[in-house]
Protein backbone atom coordinates (compact mmCIF):
# COMPACT_ATOMS: atom_id res chain seq x y z
CA UNK A 1 18.50 -22.34 -2.75
CA UNK A 2 21.20 -24.67 -1.49
CA UNK A 3 20.73 -28.43 -1.93
CA UNK A 4 20.05 -28.81 1.79
CA UNK A 5 17.40 -26.07 1.69
CA UNK A 6 15.76 -27.67 -1.32
CA UNK A 7 15.64 -30.99 0.53
CA UNK A 8 13.97 -29.34 3.53
CA UNK A 9 11.32 -27.73 1.31
CA UNK A 10 10.75 -31.03 -0.52
CA UNK A 11 10.12 -32.69 2.83
CA UNK A 12 7.62 -29.97 3.70
CA UNK A 13 5.83 -30.35 0.38
CA UNK A 14 5.51 -34.11 0.84
CA UNK A 15 4.11 -33.58 4.33
CA UNK A 16 1.63 -30.97 3.06
CA UNK A 17 0.36 -33.37 0.44
CA UNK A 18 -0.11 -36.02 3.14
CA UNK A 19 -2.22 -33.59 5.19
CA UNK A 20 -4.41 -32.68 2.24
CA UNK A 21 -5.00 -36.28 1.26
CA UNK A 22 -5.82 -37.29 4.84
CA UNK A 23 -8.28 -34.42 5.24
CA UNK A 24 -9.92 -35.10 1.88
CA UNK A 25 -10.48 -38.78 2.77
CA UNK A 26 -11.76 -38.34 6.31
CA UNK A 27 -14.41 -35.65 6.17
CA UNK A 28 -18.16 -35.87 6.28
CA UNK A 29 -20.49 -36.27 3.30
CA UNK A 30 -17.54 -37.05 1.02
CA UNK A 31 -16.14 -33.55 1.61
CA UNK A 32 -12.74 -32.59 3.07
CA UNK A 33 -12.13 -31.76 6.70
CA UNK A 34 -10.89 -28.30 7.60
CA UNK A 35 -8.38 -29.76 10.07
CA UNK A 36 -7.50 -33.40 10.64
CA UNK A 37 -8.50 -33.65 14.31
CA UNK A 38 -9.87 -30.26 15.29
CA UNK A 39 -12.32 -29.26 12.58
CA UNK A 40 -14.35 -32.06 10.96
CA UNK A 41 -16.58 -29.45 9.32
CA UNK A 42 -16.05 -28.44 5.67
CA UNK A 43 -15.64 -24.68 6.11
CA UNK A 44 -16.18 -22.97 2.79
CA UNK A 45 -13.56 -20.22 2.91
CA UNK A 46 -10.82 -22.56 4.18
CA UNK A 47 -11.37 -25.13 1.46
CA UNK A 48 -11.71 -22.59 -1.33
CA UNK A 49 -8.47 -20.88 -0.33
CA UNK A 50 -6.91 -24.34 -0.22
CA UNK A 51 -7.68 -24.76 -3.91
CA UNK A 52 -4.50 -22.87 -4.80
CA UNK A 53 -2.22 -25.55 -3.38
CA UNK A 54 -4.43 -28.35 -4.64
CA UNK A 55 -4.43 -27.05 -8.19
CA UNK A 56 -0.68 -26.51 -8.42
CA UNK A 57 -0.09 -29.97 -6.95
CA UNK A 58 -1.84 -31.60 -9.91
CA UNK A 59 -2.88 -34.48 -7.65
CA UNK A 60 -5.88 -36.16 -9.29
CA UNK A 61 -7.51 -37.29 -6.06
CA UNK A 62 -7.33 -33.79 -4.60
CA UNK A 63 -8.57 -32.24 -7.83
CA UNK A 64 -11.58 -34.57 -7.82
CA UNK A 65 -12.23 -33.70 -4.17
CA UNK A 66 -12.13 -30.00 -4.98
CA UNK A 67 -14.57 -30.48 -7.85
CA UNK A 68 -16.99 -32.03 -5.32
CA UNK A 69 -16.51 -28.98 -3.11
CA UNK A 70 -17.45 -26.63 -5.96
CA UNK A 71 -20.40 -28.74 -7.08
CA UNK A 72 -21.77 -28.99 -3.54
CA UNK A 73 -21.47 -25.23 -3.07
CA UNK A 74 -23.32 -24.66 -6.34
CA UNK A 75 -26.06 -27.01 -5.15
CA UNK A 76 -26.31 -25.18 -1.81
CA UNK A 77 -26.31 -21.61 -3.12
CA UNK A 78 -29.11 -19.42 -1.89
CA UNK A 79 -31.83 -18.62 -4.47
CA UNK A 80 -30.09 -15.26 -4.99
CA UNK A 81 -26.61 -16.74 -5.45
CA UNK A 82 -25.01 -16.39 -2.01
CA UNK A 83 -22.61 -19.20 -1.02
CA UNK A 84 -22.93 -20.69 2.50
CA UNK A 85 -20.24 -20.66 5.18
CA UNK A 86 -20.32 -24.44 5.52
CA UNK A 87 -20.24 -26.31 2.23
CA UNK A 88 -22.95 -28.80 3.19
CA UNK A 89 -25.16 -26.42 5.24
CA UNK A 90 -27.16 -24.21 2.86
CA UNK A 91 -28.80 -22.28 5.69
CA UNK A 92 -25.47 -21.24 7.26
CA UNK A 93 -25.20 -17.88 5.54
CA UNK A 94 -23.90 -14.38 6.16
CA UNK A 95 -20.19 -14.54 5.26
CA UNK A 96 -18.87 -11.73 3.10
CA UNK A 97 -15.96 -13.66 1.57
CA UNK A 98 -17.44 -17.06 0.64
CA UNK A 99 -19.13 -15.94 -2.57
CA UNK A 100 -16.10 -14.01 -3.89
CA UNK A 101 -13.88 -16.97 -3.01
CA UNK A 102 -16.26 -19.33 -4.83
CA UNK A 103 -16.04 -17.23 -7.98
CA UNK A 104 -12.25 -17.03 -7.74
CA UNK A 105 -11.73 -20.72 -7.02
CA UNK A 106 -14.15 -21.70 -9.77
CA UNK A 107 -12.21 -19.58 -12.27
CA UNK A 108 -8.91 -21.14 -11.14
CA UNK A 109 -10.37 -24.65 -11.46
CA UNK A 110 -11.64 -23.92 -14.96
CA UNK A 111 -8.19 -22.74 -16.05
CA UNK A 112 -6.42 -25.70 -14.46
CA UNK A 113 -8.75 -28.25 -16.07
CA UNK A 114 -9.76 -26.53 -19.31
CA UNK A 115 -13.45 -26.82 -18.34
CA UNK A 116 -14.39 -23.29 -19.34
CA UNK A 117 -18.13 -23.63 -18.72
CA UNK A 118 -17.98 -25.65 -15.50
CA UNK A 119 -20.86 -24.60 -13.19
CA UNK A 120 -21.77 -21.72 -15.51
CA UNK A 121 -25.24 -21.25 -14.03
CA UNK A 122 -23.91 -21.11 -10.47
CA UNK A 123 -21.30 -18.56 -11.54
CA UNK A 124 -23.95 -16.31 -13.08
CA UNK A 125 -26.03 -16.43 -9.91
CA UNK A 126 -23.06 -15.55 -7.70
CA UNK A 127 -21.97 -12.73 -10.01
CA UNK A 128 -25.47 -11.29 -9.72
CA UNK A 129 -25.38 -11.62 -5.92
CA UNK A 130 -22.07 -9.78 -5.74
CA UNK A 131 -23.32 -6.98 -8.00
CA UNK A 132 -25.87 -6.15 -5.31
CA UNK A 133 -23.34 -6.01 -2.46
CA UNK A 134 -22.15 -2.49 -3.34
CA UNK A 135 -24.22 0.01 -1.32
CA UNK A 136 -23.36 2.95 -3.60
CA UNK A 137 -23.17 0.98 -6.87
CA UNK A 138 -19.45 1.66 -7.28
CA UNK A 139 -18.49 -2.05 -7.57
CA UNK A 140 -16.64 -2.06 -4.22
CA UNK A 141 -18.58 -4.26 -1.79
CA UNK A 142 -19.35 -3.62 1.86
CA UNK A 143 -19.51 -6.13 4.68
CA UNK A 144 -20.78 -6.60 8.21
CA UNK A 145 -18.26 -6.87 11.09
CA UNK A 146 -16.73 -10.33 11.70
CA UNK A 147 -18.20 -11.66 8.44
CA UNK A 148 -14.95 -12.45 6.61
CA UNK A 149 -12.19 -14.88 7.66
CA UNK A 150 -11.59 -12.77 10.78
CA UNK A 151 -14.58 -13.90 12.77
CA UNK A 152 -13.12 -12.23 15.88
CA UNK A 153 -11.92 -9.00 14.26
CA UNK A 154 -14.00 -5.91 13.63
CA UNK A 155 -13.90 -5.14 9.89
CA UNK A 156 -16.86 -3.22 8.52
CA UNK A 157 -17.81 -1.37 5.39
CA UNK A 158 -15.35 -1.52 2.51
CA UNK A 159 -12.82 -4.11 3.66
CA UNK A 160 -9.52 -4.54 1.84
CA UNK A 161 -9.42 -8.35 1.86
CA UNK A 162 -12.89 -8.90 0.43
CA UNK A 163 -12.44 -6.25 -2.24
CA UNK A 164 -9.16 -7.74 -3.44
CA UNK A 165 -11.14 -10.96 -3.99
CA UNK A 166 -13.80 -9.03 -5.88
CA UNK A 167 -11.19 -7.44 -8.11
CA UNK A 168 -9.68 -10.85 -8.81
CA UNK A 169 -12.90 -12.61 -9.80
CA UNK A 170 -14.05 -9.67 -11.92
CA UNK A 171 -10.83 -9.95 -13.94
CA UNK A 172 -11.13 -13.71 -14.35
CA UNK A 173 -14.83 -13.61 -15.26
CA UNK A 174 -14.29 -11.05 -17.98
CA UNK A 175 -15.73 -7.97 -16.22
CA UNK A 176 -12.67 -5.86 -16.89
CA UNK A 177 -14.31 -2.42 -16.77
CA UNK A 178 -15.81 -3.10 -13.36
CA UNK A 179 -12.48 -4.49 -12.19
CA UNK A 180 -10.66 -1.35 -13.28
CA UNK A 181 -13.24 0.78 -11.49
CA UNK A 182 -12.65 -0.97 -8.18
CA UNK A 183 -8.87 -0.73 -8.63
CA UNK A 184 -9.10 3.02 -9.04
CA UNK A 185 -11.40 3.34 -6.04
CA UNK A 186 -9.14 1.32 -3.76
CA UNK A 187 -6.05 3.39 -4.62
CA UNK A 188 -7.57 6.77 -3.82
CA UNK A 189 -5.70 8.79 -1.22
CA UNK A 190 -8.76 10.07 0.61
CA UNK A 191 -9.21 7.78 3.57
CA UNK A 192 -9.06 10.84 5.85
CA UNK A 193 -12.11 12.35 4.07
CA UNK A 194 -10.59 15.84 4.04
CA UNK A 195 -12.42 18.30 1.80
CA UNK A 196 -14.36 15.48 0.18
CA UNK A 197 -18.03 15.57 -0.70
CA UNK A 198 -20.03 12.98 1.28
CA UNK A 199 -21.16 11.07 -1.81
CA UNK A 200 -17.61 10.50 -3.13
CA UNK A 201 -16.40 6.97 -2.47
CA UNK A 202 -13.70 6.62 0.18
CA UNK A 203 -10.41 5.08 -0.85
CA UNK A 204 -8.20 2.61 1.01
CA UNK A 205 -4.81 4.19 0.33
CA UNK A 206 -3.15 5.62 3.45
CA UNK A 207 -1.27 8.93 3.16
CA UNK A 208 2.51 8.55 3.59
CA UNK A 209 2.27 4.75 3.83
CA UNK A 210 2.80 2.16 1.06
CA UNK A 211 0.02 -0.17 2.20
CA UNK A 212 -3.77 -0.15 1.81
CA UNK A 213 -5.93 0.30 4.90
CA UNK A 214 -7.84 -2.49 6.63
CA UNK A 215 -11.27 -0.92 5.98
CA UNK A 216 -13.10 2.35 5.49
CA UNK A 217 -16.76 3.42 5.50
CA UNK A 218 -18.02 7.01 5.49
CA UNK A 219 -16.43 8.74 8.52
CA UNK A 220 -15.19 5.49 10.07
CA UNK A 221 -11.96 3.70 9.16
CA UNK A 222 -9.08 1.56 10.31
CA UNK A 223 -5.61 2.35 9.00
CA UNK A 224 -4.13 -0.82 10.50
CA UNK A 225 -2.09 -3.04 8.21
CA UNK A 226 -3.72 -6.26 6.98
CA UNK A 227 -1.07 -8.73 5.74
CA UNK A 228 -3.49 -10.94 3.81
CA UNK A 229 -5.28 -8.07 2.09
CA UNK A 230 -2.05 -6.33 1.12
CA UNK A 231 -0.44 -9.57 -0.07
CA UNK A 232 -3.45 -10.05 -2.34
CA UNK A 233 -3.17 -6.45 -3.48
CA UNK A 234 0.37 -7.24 -4.67
CA UNK A 235 -0.61 -10.57 -6.22
CA UNK A 236 -3.58 -9.16 -8.13
CA UNK A 237 -1.79 -6.00 -9.26
CA UNK A 238 -4.01 -3.60 -7.31
CA UNK A 239 -0.71 -2.38 -5.87
CA UNK A 240 1.61 -1.17 -8.61
CA UNK A 241 5.08 -2.75 -8.94
CA UNK A 242 6.64 0.34 -7.36
CA UNK A 243 4.20 0.36 -4.45
CA UNK A 244 4.67 -3.40 -4.03
CA UNK A 245 8.42 -2.98 -3.60
CA UNK A 246 7.98 -0.21 -1.08
CA UNK A 247 5.32 -2.22 0.72
CA UNK A 248 7.60 -5.25 1.14
CA UNK A 249 10.39 -3.03 2.48
CA UNK A 250 7.96 -1.47 4.95
CA UNK A 251 6.73 -4.87 6.16
CA UNK A 252 10.24 -6.19 6.74
CA UNK A 253 11.28 -3.00 8.55
CA UNK A 254 8.25 -3.16 10.84
CA UNK A 255 8.90 -6.83 11.63
CA UNK A 256 12.52 -6.07 12.52
CA UNK A 257 11.30 -3.37 14.89
CA UNK A 258 8.78 -5.76 16.49
CA UNK A 259 11.49 -8.40 17.06
CA UNK A 260 13.78 -5.87 18.73
CA UNK A 261 10.95 -4.98 21.13
CA UNK A 262 10.12 -8.60 21.89
CA UNK A 263 6.74 -8.41 20.16
CA UNK A 264 7.51 -10.91 17.39
CA UNK A 265 9.46 -14.13 17.80
CA UNK A 266 9.25 -15.70 14.34
CA UNK A 267 10.84 -14.62 11.04
CA UNK A 268 7.49 -13.99 9.35
CA UNK A 269 4.97 -11.13 9.61
CA UNK A 270 1.89 -11.16 11.86
CA UNK A 271 -1.53 -10.87 10.25
CA UNK A 272 -2.25 -7.38 11.66
CA UNK A 273 -0.13 -4.34 12.53
CA UNK A 274 -0.09 -2.70 14.94
CA UNK A 275 -1.78 -5.02 17.44
CA UNK A 276 -5.00 -3.66 18.94
CA UNK A 277 -4.42 -2.90 22.64
CA UNK A 278 -6.79 -2.33 25.55
CA UNK A 279 -6.17 1.42 25.45
CA UNK A 280 -6.92 1.78 21.73
CA UNK A 281 -10.26 3.24 20.63
CA UNK A 282 -10.95 0.22 18.40
CA UNK A 283 -10.48 -2.28 21.24
CA UNK A 284 -13.60 -4.34 21.93
CA UNK A 285 -14.32 -6.15 25.23
CA UNK A 286 -14.64 -9.53 23.49
CA UNK A 287 -10.99 -9.27 22.38
CA UNK A 288 -9.92 -9.91 25.98
CA UNK A 289 -11.22 -13.47 25.66
CA UNK A 290 -10.36 -14.37 22.06
CA UNK A 291 -8.13 -11.71 20.50
CA UNK A 292 -5.39 -10.43 22.78
CA UNK A 293 -2.49 -8.50 21.20
CA UNK A 294 -0.34 -10.84 19.12
CA UNK A 295 -2.96 -13.58 19.15
CA UNK A 296 -5.48 -15.00 16.68
CA UNK A 297 -6.69 -12.22 14.33
CA UNK A 298 -5.10 -9.49 16.43
CA UNK A 299 -1.56 -10.06 15.16
CA UNK A 300 -1.25 -13.82 15.32
CA UNK A 301 1.06 -15.44 12.76
CA UNK A 302 -0.96 -17.59 10.35
CA UNK A 303 0.88 -20.02 8.05
CA UNK A 304 -1.74 -19.76 5.32
CA UNK A 305 -1.47 -15.96 5.33
CA UNK A 306 2.32 -16.22 5.29
CA UNK A 307 1.97 -18.48 2.24
CA UNK A 308 0.23 -15.60 0.46
CA UNK A 309 3.01 -13.27 1.62
CA UNK A 310 5.71 -15.55 0.19
CA UNK A 311 3.81 -15.62 -3.10
CA UNK A 312 3.52 -11.81 -2.99
CA UNK A 313 7.30 -11.57 -2.56
CA UNK A 314 7.68 -13.57 -5.77
CA UNK A 315 5.21 -11.27 -7.53
CA UNK A 316 7.25 -8.28 -6.30
CA UNK A 317 10.39 -10.01 -7.65
CA UNK A 318 12.01 -10.18 -4.21
CA UNK A 319 13.24 -13.68 -4.95
CA UNK A 320 15.94 -14.01 -2.29
CA UNK A 321 13.60 -12.74 0.40
CA UNK A 322 10.94 -15.14 -0.88
CA UNK A 323 13.36 -18.07 -0.54
CA UNK A 324 14.34 -17.03 2.99
CA UNK A 325 10.70 -16.54 3.95
CA UNK A 326 9.76 -19.95 2.55
CA UNK A 327 12.44 -21.54 4.73
CA UNK A 328 11.08 -19.59 7.71
CA UNK A 329 7.61 -20.88 6.83
CA UNK A 330 8.98 -24.42 6.64
CA UNK A 331 10.28 -24.02 10.19
CA UNK A 332 6.95 -22.55 11.31
CA UNK A 333 4.84 -25.45 10.03
CA UNK A 334 6.86 -28.05 11.97
CA UNK A 335 5.61 -27.54 15.55
CA UNK A 336 2.33 -29.17 16.52
CA UNK A 337 0.22 -28.22 19.50
CA UNK A 338 -1.05 -31.74 20.29
CA UNK A 339 -0.39 -34.22 17.48
CA UNK A 340 2.81 -36.27 17.30
CA UNK A 341 3.76 -35.56 13.71
CA UNK A 342 6.87 -34.34 11.90
CA UNK A 343 4.98 -31.33 10.53
CA UNK A 344 2.13 -29.81 12.54
CA UNK A 345 0.74 -27.40 9.94
CA UNK A 346 -0.89 -25.61 12.84
CA UNK A 347 -3.57 -22.99 12.37
CA UNK A 348 -1.90 -19.97 13.99
CA UNK A 349 0.96 -18.99 16.32
CA UNK A 350 1.27 -16.39 19.05
CA UNK A 351 3.50 -13.62 17.76
CA UNK A 352 5.42 -13.00 20.99
CA UNK A 353 6.55 -16.59 21.64
CA UNK A 354 6.05 -18.37 18.30
CA UNK A 355 4.09 -21.23 19.87
CA UNK A 356 1.24 -23.00 18.03
CA UNK A 357 -2.16 -22.09 19.44
CA UNK A 358 -4.63 -23.43 16.88
CA UNK A 359 -5.53 -26.78 15.35
CA UNK A 360 -2.95 -29.13 13.85
CA UNK A 361 -2.97 -30.39 10.25
CA UNK A 362 -5.00 -27.43 9.03
CA UNK A 363 -6.02 -27.78 5.38
CA UNK A 364 -5.29 -24.21 4.29
CA UNK A 365 -1.97 -24.17 6.17
CA UNK A 366 -0.82 -27.22 4.19
CA UNK A 367 -2.25 -26.03 0.90
CA UNK A 368 -0.78 -22.54 1.01
CA UNK A 369 2.60 -24.03 1.87
CA UNK A 370 2.39 -26.05 -1.34
CA UNK A 371 1.42 -22.95 -3.27
CA UNK A 372 4.19 -20.82 -1.75
CA UNK A 373 6.78 -23.50 -2.46
CA UNK A 374 5.63 -23.71 -6.08
CA UNK A 375 5.89 -19.95 -6.48
CA UNK A 376 9.43 -19.87 -5.12
CA UNK A 377 10.52 -22.86 -7.20
CA UNK A 378 9.20 -21.46 -10.48
CA UNK A 379 9.49 -17.73 -9.72
CA UNK A 380 5.91 -17.45 -10.90
CA UNK A 381 2.54 -16.93 -9.20
CA UNK A 382 0.12 -19.33 -10.89
CA UNK A 383 -3.44 -18.05 -11.42
CA UNK A 384 -2.56 -14.52 -10.27
CA UNK A 385 -0.43 -13.61 -13.25
CA UNK A 386 -3.48 -13.53 -15.48
CA UNK A 387 -5.13 -11.10 -13.06
CA UNK A 388 -2.01 -8.98 -12.60
CA UNK A 389 -1.12 -8.75 -16.27
CA UNK A 390 -4.63 -8.17 -17.62
């Protein structure tokens, strides 16, 4: 990077740290806020994903805050080991991604601090819970619609995002055989179910495409592209180095096409491709209110997801593209929807006009910017390299 580009990124990193410290100091019950002014609640998935930026920052105050997050979640586990959707609300249950994220974040925290047995009992309970989430006992877990981070997007059965998390925590918690089993399952080219016996597990690989599908279950499926799930597939090594390179090329080509057609304004990918439209068979009436094409989970541009994409570019050794994408992310995190701040760290942006539509000073937006910047600066992907190289 040029000296001027490095200075811009350094400014963004300082601003991200300011957001995280503000949110950690001004939440309820001594827990962080999810967004400085919009979300006072401590949402589990947001704050666990935010652990990546917190841990690479090395900031002691933030590390102590994250330890409180993990301890509170352990305290509020269900008797069977499920982790709630709100950190301080043990009865708020039903999310498919909170327990896998807890196991991942706990493993990352242990490695960052050297506390190898931290919350060992809670980890065992959650590992047991996750073992029972596979309907056909093939390790891959199934979920209910709208139960992962996309609370307005229909993902059912074997979802890509959640199963990349499962693969990651299995690796880090020493369950390597089970991890390898899920990796093989996810890379099967049988999403179309042609000439396949009904009891054979469906795969997520899409014929003639480099990416893994959004979800599949029995005769139902969605072959749409999920940026977060596929970025995690690259970071964890579920996608091979060759597939990762092809996948990045495909993403950039599709984004160029979207920009030419006026469907994407910013220089970063949307969270879903193609957008779900009214005429599509997977369109749902509720989308007209919350999830129009190019908005929210239906193709909105999310800074935290783009942070994972930048990290995935580093993992794929596309260093120049990673640097350019980090600068594009730095530009994206500047606009605020309401607050008068130098960096808005907004929640999400409409793809067609690039305007912020969510809440400002979002914790995971700030944290994943820190993580992405660290990956680009060091040409490493902390915490994922152990998973990828296992």
